[in-house]
């Protein structure tokens, strides 16, 4: 699967996002090393702490099914438009918590693909976005 296809799946996931508080919708598509894609969206909660990011939703779905080897993730996000659709504008990098979760299951050369509303992509390695990760 190429990055364009992965980004398309991430965009689709923004429509499933549950973001009644921030009105910011995020979708993620995680490619495992067997070529399967695991998707996720952000899921908010009024208490904020129990909220979950799109990236972690995708990782946790895969890990809960026994998958622990990954090649890449595409992440997109944007604010809710007046009509309720998602207006993907800028790049949406993963938060620090998601970067740490990715470091638990992914190699340092794992690819993180960010896309904006203009169809542009930026590709980073996990090592670039989390240079001094914590691990045991």
N, C-alpha and C. Protein backbone atom coordinates (compact mmCIF):
# COMPACT_ATOMS: atom_id res chain seq x y z
N UNK A 1 0.84 -1.18 0.00
CA UNK A 1 0.00 0.00 0.00
C UNK A 1 0.89 1.24 0.00
N UNK A 2 0.55 2.20 -0.85
CA UNK A 2 1.35 3.43 -0.88
C UNK A 2 0.79 4.46 0.10
N UNK A 3 1.55 5.51 0.29
CA UNK A 3 1.17 6.52 1.28
C UNK A 3 -0.13 7.24 0.91
N UNK A 4 -0.39 7.44 -0.39
CA UNK A 4 -1.64 8.10 -0.80
C UNK A 4 -2.86 7.30 -0.35
N UNK A 5 -2.78 5.98 -0.48
CA UNK A 5 -3.90 5.13 -0.06
C UNK A 5 -4.06 5.15 1.46
N UNK A 6 -2.95 5.18 2.16
CA UNK A 6 -2.99 5.24 3.61
C UNK A 6 -3.60 6.56 4.08
N UNK A 7 -3.22 7.65 3.43
CA UNK A 7 -3.78 8.96 3.77
C UNK A 7 -5.28 8.98 3.50
N UNK A 8 -5.70 8.39 2.40
CA UNK A 8 -7.13 8.35 2.06
C UNK A 8 -7.93 7.66 3.18
N UNK A 9 -7.40 6.55 3.69
CA UNK A 9 -8.07 5.84 4.78
C UNK A 9 -8.11 6.68 6.05
N UNK A 10 -7.04 7.42 6.31
CA UNK A 10 -7.02 8.30 7.48
C UNK A 10 -8.06 9.41 7.34
N UNK A 11 -8.18 9.97 6.14
CA UNK A 11 -9.19 11.00 5.90
C UNK A 11 -10.59 10.44 6.14
N UNK A 12 -10.84 9.24 5.67
CA UNK A 12 -12.15 8.60 5.89
C UNK A 12 -12.46 8.49 7.38
N UNK A 13 -11.45 8.23 8.18
CA UNK A 13 -11.65 8.05 9.61
C UNK A 13 -12.01 9.35 10.33
N UNK A 14 -11.66 10.50 9.76
CA UNK A 14 -12.03 11.76 10.41
C UNK A 14 -13.54 11.89 10.50
N UNK A 15 -14.26 11.27 9.59
CA UNK A 15 -15.73 11.34 9.60
C UNK A 15 -16.33 10.52 10.75
N UNK A 16 -15.56 9.60 11.31
CA UNK A 16 -16.05 8.78 12.43
C UNK A 16 -15.62 9.33 13.78
N UNK A 17 -14.84 10.38 13.74
CA UNK A 17 -14.34 11.00 14.96
C UNK A 17 -15.48 11.46 15.85
N UNK A 18 -15.27 11.35 17.16
CA UNK A 18 -16.24 11.85 18.14
C UNK A 18 -15.55 13.01 18.86
N UNK A 19 -15.84 14.23 18.42
CA UNK A 19 -15.14 15.41 18.94
C UNK A 19 -16.11 16.54 19.29
N UNK A 20 -17.07 16.27 20.21
CA UNK A 20 -18.06 17.30 20.54
C UNK A 20 -17.51 18.45 21.38
N UNK A 21 -16.30 18.34 21.90
CA UNK A 21 -15.74 19.37 22.77
C UNK A 21 -14.73 20.24 22.03
N UNK A 22 -13.79 19.62 21.35
CA UNK A 22 -12.77 20.38 20.62
C UNK A 22 -13.23 20.74 19.20
N UNK A 23 -14.14 19.94 18.66
CA UNK A 23 -14.58 20.10 17.26
C UNK A 23 -13.38 19.98 16.30
N UNK A 24 -12.39 19.22 16.72
CA UNK A 24 -11.20 18.95 15.91
C UNK A 24 -11.16 17.45 15.67
N UNK A 25 -11.27 17.04 14.42
CA UNK A 25 -11.41 15.63 14.05
C UNK A 25 -10.09 15.10 13.49
N UNK A 26 -9.68 13.95 14.00
CA UNK A 26 -8.42 13.34 13.58
C UNK A 26 -8.68 11.90 13.14
N UNK A 27 -8.02 11.51 12.07
CA UNK A 27 -8.09 10.13 11.60
C UNK A 27 -6.68 9.58 11.40
N UNK A 28 -6.54 8.29 11.62
CA UNK A 28 -5.25 7.63 11.45
C UNK A 28 -5.44 6.30 10.75
N UNK A 29 -4.45 5.92 9.96
CA UNK A 29 -4.43 4.62 9.30
C UNK A 29 -3.04 4.03 9.51
N UNK A 30 -2.98 2.92 10.21
CA UNK A 30 -1.74 2.27 10.62
C UNK A 30 -1.50 1.03 9.76
N UNK A 31 -0.38 1.00 9.08
CA UNK A 31 -0.02 -0.12 8.21
C UNK A 31 0.88 -1.08 8.98
N UNK A 32 0.42 -2.35 9.09
CA UNK A 32 1.29 -3.32 9.76
C UNK A 32 2.25 -3.93 8.75
N UNK A 33 3.20 -4.70 9.23
CA UNK A 33 4.24 -5.24 8.34
C UNK A 33 3.73 -6.37 7.46
N UNK A 34 2.48 -6.82 7.68
CA UNK A 34 1.87 -7.82 6.80
C UNK A 34 0.99 -7.17 5.73
N UNK A 35 0.93 -5.84 5.70
CA UNK A 35 0.14 -5.14 4.70
C UNK A 35 -1.29 -4.83 5.10
N UNK A 36 -1.66 -5.14 6.34
CA UNK A 36 -3.01 -4.84 6.82
C UNK A 36 -3.06 -3.42 7.37
N UNK A 37 -4.23 -2.80 7.27
CA UNK A 37 -4.40 -1.43 7.76
C UNK A 37 -5.36 -1.43 8.94
N UNK A 38 -4.96 -0.76 9.98
CA UNK A 38 -5.75 -0.60 11.20
C UNK A 38 -6.08 0.88 11.32
N UNK A 39 -7.35 1.20 11.44
CA UNK A 39 -7.76 2.60 11.44
C UNK A 39 -8.17 3.05 12.83
N UNK A 40 -8.15 4.36 13.01
CA UNK A 40 -8.58 4.94 14.28
C UNK A 40 -9.01 6.38 14.10
N UNK A 41 -9.81 6.84 15.03
CA UNK A 41 -10.22 8.24 15.08
C UNK A 41 -10.12 8.71 16.52
N UNK A 42 -10.12 10.02 16.71
CA UNK A 42 -10.11 10.52 18.09
C UNK A 42 -11.50 10.37 18.69
N UNK A 43 -11.51 10.05 19.97
CA UNK A 43 -12.76 9.83 20.71
C UNK A 43 -12.64 10.64 22.01
N UNK A 44 -13.42 11.72 22.09
CA UNK A 44 -13.34 12.60 23.24
C UNK A 44 -14.30 12.19 24.35
N UNK A 45 -14.04 12.74 25.52
CA UNK A 45 -14.87 12.49 26.69
C UNK A 45 -14.95 13.79 27.47
N UNK A 46 -16.08 14.06 28.09
CA UNK A 46 -16.26 15.30 28.84
C UNK A 46 -15.22 15.47 29.94
N UNK A 47 -14.70 14.39 30.47
CA UNK A 47 -13.69 14.45 31.52
C UNK A 47 -12.28 14.65 30.96
N UNK A 48 -12.11 14.68 29.65
CA UNK A 48 -10.86 14.86 28.92
C UNK A 48 -9.85 13.74 29.13
N UNK A 49 -9.54 13.36 30.34
CA UNK A 49 -8.56 12.30 30.60
C UNK A 49 -8.86 10.99 29.89
N UNK A 50 -10.11 10.56 29.86
CA UNK A 50 -10.43 9.30 29.18
C UNK A 50 -10.49 9.42 27.65
N UNK A 51 -10.25 10.60 27.11
CA UNK A 51 -10.24 10.76 25.65
C UNK A 51 -9.10 9.96 25.04
N UNK A 52 -9.24 9.62 23.77
CA UNK A 52 -8.21 8.84 23.10
C UNK A 52 -7.95 9.42 21.72
N UNK A 53 -6.68 9.53 21.37
CA UNK A 53 -6.28 10.05 20.07
C UNK A 53 -6.48 8.98 18.98
N UNK A 54 -6.56 9.44 17.75
CA UNK A 54 -6.75 8.55 16.60
C UNK A 54 -5.60 7.54 16.47
N UNK A 55 -4.40 8.02 16.67
CA UNK A 55 -3.23 7.16 16.52
C UNK A 55 -3.25 6.01 17.52
N UNK A 56 -3.54 6.34 18.78
CA UNK A 56 -3.59 5.31 19.81
C UNK A 56 -4.76 4.37 19.59
N UNK A 57 -5.88 4.88 19.10
CA UNK A 57 -7.01 4.00 18.79
C UNK A 57 -6.59 2.95 17.77
N UNK A 58 -5.90 3.36 16.72
CA UNK A 58 -5.44 2.42 15.69
C UNK A 58 -4.44 1.41 16.26
N UNK A 59 -3.48 1.89 17.03
CA UNK A 59 -2.47 1.00 17.62
C UNK A 59 -3.14 0.00 18.56
N UNK A 60 -4.02 0.48 19.42
CA UNK A 60 -4.65 -0.41 20.40
C UNK A 60 -5.54 -1.45 19.72
N UNK A 61 -6.21 -1.06 18.63
CA UNK A 61 -7.01 -2.05 17.89
C UNK A 61 -6.12 -3.16 17.36
N UNK A 62 -5.00 -2.78 16.77
CA UNK A 62 -4.10 -3.78 16.19
C UNK A 62 -3.48 -4.67 17.28
N UNK A 63 -2.97 -4.05 18.33
CA UNK A 63 -2.33 -4.82 19.40
C UNK A 63 -3.34 -5.76 20.05
N UNK A 64 -4.58 -5.31 20.21
CA UNK A 64 -5.59 -6.17 20.84
C UNK A 64 -5.92 -7.39 19.98
N UNK A 65 -5.55 -7.34 18.71
CA UNK A 65 -5.74 -8.49 17.81
C UNK A 65 -4.45 -9.26 17.59
N UNK A 66 -3.42 -8.94 18.36
CA UNK A 66 -2.17 -9.70 18.31
C UNK A 66 -1.12 -9.17 17.36
N UNK A 67 -1.34 -8.01 16.75
CA UNK A 67 -0.38 -7.44 15.80
C UNK A 67 0.52 -6.47 16.55
N UNK A 68 1.83 -6.62 16.34
CA UNK A 68 2.78 -5.77 17.06
C UNK A 68 3.93 -5.29 16.20
N UNK A 69 3.83 -5.45 14.89
CA UNK A 69 4.89 -4.99 14.00
C UNK A 69 4.29 -4.09 12.94
N UNK A 70 4.80 -2.85 12.87
CA UNK A 70 4.18 -1.84 12.02
C UNK A 70 5.20 -1.18 11.11
N UNK A 71 4.73 -0.70 9.96
CA UNK A 71 5.59 -0.07 8.97
C UNK A 71 5.38 1.43 8.87
N UNK A 72 4.12 1.89 8.96
CA UNK A 72 3.84 3.32 8.75
C UNK A 72 2.47 3.68 9.31
N UNK A 73 2.27 4.97 9.54
CA UNK A 73 0.97 5.48 9.94
C UNK A 73 0.74 6.79 9.20
N UNK A 74 -0.48 7.00 8.73
CA UNK A 74 -0.89 8.28 8.14
C UNK A 74 -1.82 8.95 9.13
N UNK A 75 -1.63 10.25 9.31
CA UNK A 75 -2.43 11.02 10.26
C UNK A 75 -2.91 12.29 9.59
N UNK A 76 -4.20 12.55 9.70
CA UNK A 76 -4.77 13.80 9.20
C UNK A 76 -5.74 14.34 10.25
N UNK A 77 -5.96 15.63 10.21
CA UNK A 77 -6.92 16.20 11.14
C UNK A 77 -7.24 17.63 10.79
N UNK A 78 -8.37 18.07 11.30
CA UNK A 78 -8.76 19.45 11.07
C UNK A 78 -10.01 19.81 11.81
N UNK A 79 -10.32 21.10 11.82
CA UNK A 79 -11.50 21.58 12.54
C UNK A 79 -12.80 21.21 11.82
N UNK A 80 -13.83 21.20 12.59
CA UNK A 80 -15.17 20.95 12.05
C UNK A 80 -15.63 22.19 11.29
N UNK A 81 -16.11 22.00 10.07
CA UNK A 81 -16.62 23.12 9.27
C UNK A 81 -18.06 23.43 9.68
N UNK A 82 -18.58 24.54 9.19
CA UNK A 82 -19.94 24.96 9.52
C UNK A 82 -20.98 23.90 9.17
N UNK A 83 -20.75 23.16 8.10
CA UNK A 83 -21.71 22.14 7.67
C UNK A 83 -21.52 20.80 8.38
N UNK A 84 -20.57 20.74 9.33
CA UNK A 84 -20.33 19.51 10.07
C UNK A 84 -19.26 18.62 9.47
N UNK A 85 -18.79 18.94 8.28
CA UNK A 85 -17.72 18.15 7.67
C UNK A 85 -16.39 18.53 8.31
N UNK A 86 -15.34 17.83 7.95
CA UNK A 86 -14.01 18.11 8.49
C UNK A 86 -13.23 18.92 7.48
N UNK A 87 -12.67 20.01 7.92
CA UNK A 87 -11.89 20.90 7.05
C UNK A 87 -10.40 20.67 7.30
N UNK A 88 -9.84 19.68 6.62
CA UNK A 88 -8.41 19.40 6.78
C UNK A 88 -7.64 20.53 6.12
N UNK A 89 -6.83 21.21 6.92
CA UNK A 89 -6.08 22.35 6.40
C UNK A 89 -4.58 22.14 6.55
N UNK A 90 -4.12 22.11 7.79
CA UNK A 90 -2.69 22.00 8.07
C UNK A 90 -2.29 20.56 8.40
N UNK A 91 -1.00 20.35 8.52
CA UNK A 91 -0.49 19.05 8.95
C UNK A 91 -0.86 18.85 10.42
N UNK A 92 -1.07 17.61 10.81
CA UNK A 92 -1.53 17.28 12.16
C UNK A 92 -0.59 16.23 12.76
N UNK A 93 0.52 16.66 13.34
CA UNK A 93 1.47 15.69 13.90
C UNK A 93 0.94 15.05 15.18
N UNK A 94 1.43 13.86 15.51
CA UNK A 94 0.97 13.18 16.72
C UNK A 94 1.43 13.89 17.98
N UNK A 95 0.61 13.80 19.02
CA UNK A 95 0.96 14.39 20.31
C UNK A 95 2.09 13.57 20.94
N UNK A 96 2.62 14.07 22.04
CA UNK A 96 3.71 13.37 22.72
C UNK A 96 3.34 12.01 23.24
N UNK A 97 2.12 11.87 23.76
CA UNK A 97 1.67 10.57 24.27
C UNK A 97 1.62 9.56 23.12
N UNK A 98 1.09 9.97 21.99
CA UNK A 98 1.02 9.05 20.84
C UNK A 98 2.40 8.69 20.33
N UNK A 99 3.31 9.64 20.33
CA UNK A 99 4.69 9.35 19.91
C UNK A 99 5.30 8.29 20.83
N UNK A 100 5.05 8.41 22.13
CA UNK A 100 5.59 7.43 23.07
C UNK A 100 4.95 6.06 22.86
N UNK A 101 3.63 6.01 22.63
CA UNK A 101 2.96 4.74 22.38
C UNK A 101 3.52 4.11 21.11
N UNK A 102 3.71 4.90 20.06
CA UNK A 102 4.29 4.36 18.83
C UNK A 102 5.68 3.79 19.09
N UNK A 103 6.45 4.46 19.95
CA UNK A 103 7.81 3.98 20.22
C UNK A 103 7.81 2.63 20.94
N UNK A 104 6.71 2.30 21.61
CA UNK A 104 6.61 1.01 22.29
C UNK A 104 6.53 -0.15 21.30
N UNK A 105 5.93 0.10 20.13
CA UNK A 105 5.67 -0.98 19.17
C UNK A 105 6.37 -0.81 17.83
N UNK A 106 7.00 0.31 17.58
CA UNK A 106 7.56 0.58 16.26
C UNK A 106 9.06 0.81 16.31
N UNK A 107 9.73 0.44 15.21
CA UNK A 107 11.16 0.68 15.08
C UNK A 107 11.42 2.17 14.92
N UNK A 108 12.64 2.57 15.11
CA UNK A 108 13.02 3.98 14.99
C UNK A 108 12.83 4.51 13.57
N UNK A 109 12.88 3.60 12.56
CA UNK A 109 12.69 4.04 11.17
C UNK A 109 11.23 3.94 10.71
N UNK A 110 10.32 3.65 11.62
CA UNK A 110 8.88 3.64 11.34
C UNK A 110 8.49 4.98 10.72
N UNK A 111 7.66 4.93 9.68
CA UNK A 111 7.30 6.15 8.95
C UNK A 111 5.99 6.76 9.46
N UNK A 112 6.01 8.07 9.66
CA UNK A 112 4.84 8.84 10.05
C UNK A 112 4.53 9.80 8.92
N UNK A 113 3.37 9.59 8.29
CA UNK A 113 2.98 10.36 7.12
C UNK A 113 1.92 11.37 7.54
N UNK A 114 2.20 12.64 7.33
CA UNK A 114 1.25 13.70 7.62
C UNK A 114 0.79 14.30 6.30
N UNK A 115 -0.49 14.62 6.20
CA UNK A 115 -1.03 15.21 4.97
C UNK A 115 -1.86 16.43 5.33
N UNK A 116 -1.85 17.41 4.44
CA UNK A 116 -2.68 18.59 4.67
C UNK A 116 -3.81 18.64 3.64
N UNK A 117 -4.60 19.69 3.69
CA UNK A 117 -5.74 19.82 2.80
C UNK A 117 -5.39 20.15 1.37
N UNK A 118 -4.13 20.45 1.09
CA UNK A 118 -3.68 20.75 -0.26
C UNK A 118 -3.16 19.51 -0.98
N UNK A 119 -3.21 18.36 -0.30
CA UNK A 119 -2.70 17.13 -0.89
C UNK A 119 -1.21 16.95 -0.71
N UNK A 120 -0.58 17.81 0.07
CA UNK A 120 0.85 17.69 0.32
C UNK A 120 1.08 16.69 1.45
N UNK A 121 2.23 16.06 1.42
CA UNK A 121 2.59 15.10 2.46
C UNK A 121 3.98 15.41 3.00
N UNK A 122 4.14 15.13 4.29
CA UNK A 122 5.45 15.16 4.93
C UNK A 122 5.64 13.78 5.55
N UNK A 123 6.81 13.19 5.37
CA UNK A 123 7.09 11.88 5.94
C UNK A 123 8.28 12.02 6.90
N UNK A 124 8.06 11.55 8.11
CA UNK A 124 9.08 11.57 9.15
C UNK A 124 9.31 10.15 9.64
N UNK A 125 10.48 9.91 10.20
CA UNK A 125 10.67 8.66 10.94
C UNK A 125 10.29 8.93 12.39
N UNK A 126 10.02 7.87 13.11
CA UNK A 126 9.72 8.01 14.53
C UNK A 126 10.91 8.64 15.25
N UNK A 127 12.12 8.28 14.86
CA UNK A 127 13.32 8.84 15.47
C UNK A 127 13.38 10.36 15.30
N UNK A 128 12.90 10.86 14.17
CA UNK A 128 12.90 12.30 13.94
C UNK A 128 11.89 13.01 14.85
N UNK A 129 10.72 12.40 15.07
CA UNK A 129 9.70 13.05 15.87
C UNK A 129 9.83 12.76 17.37
N UNK A 130 10.59 11.75 17.72
CA UNK A 130 10.81 11.43 19.13
C UNK A 130 12.28 11.00 19.29
N UNK A 131 13.20 11.97 19.21
CA UNK A 131 14.62 11.61 19.18
C UNK A 131 15.17 10.97 20.45
N UNK A 132 14.62 11.28 21.59
CA UNK A 132 15.13 10.72 22.85
C UNK A 132 14.00 9.99 23.57
N UNK A 133 13.45 8.97 22.91
CA UNK A 133 12.31 8.25 23.48
C UNK A 133 12.71 7.46 24.73
N UNK A 134 11.74 7.27 25.58
CA UNK A 134 11.93 6.49 26.79
C UNK A 134 11.57 5.04 26.50
N UNK A 135 12.43 4.12 26.87
CA UNK A 135 12.13 2.69 26.73
C UNK A 135 12.94 1.93 27.77
N UNK A 136 12.49 0.72 28.03
CA UNK A 136 13.20 -0.14 28.98
C UNK A 136 14.10 -1.11 28.27
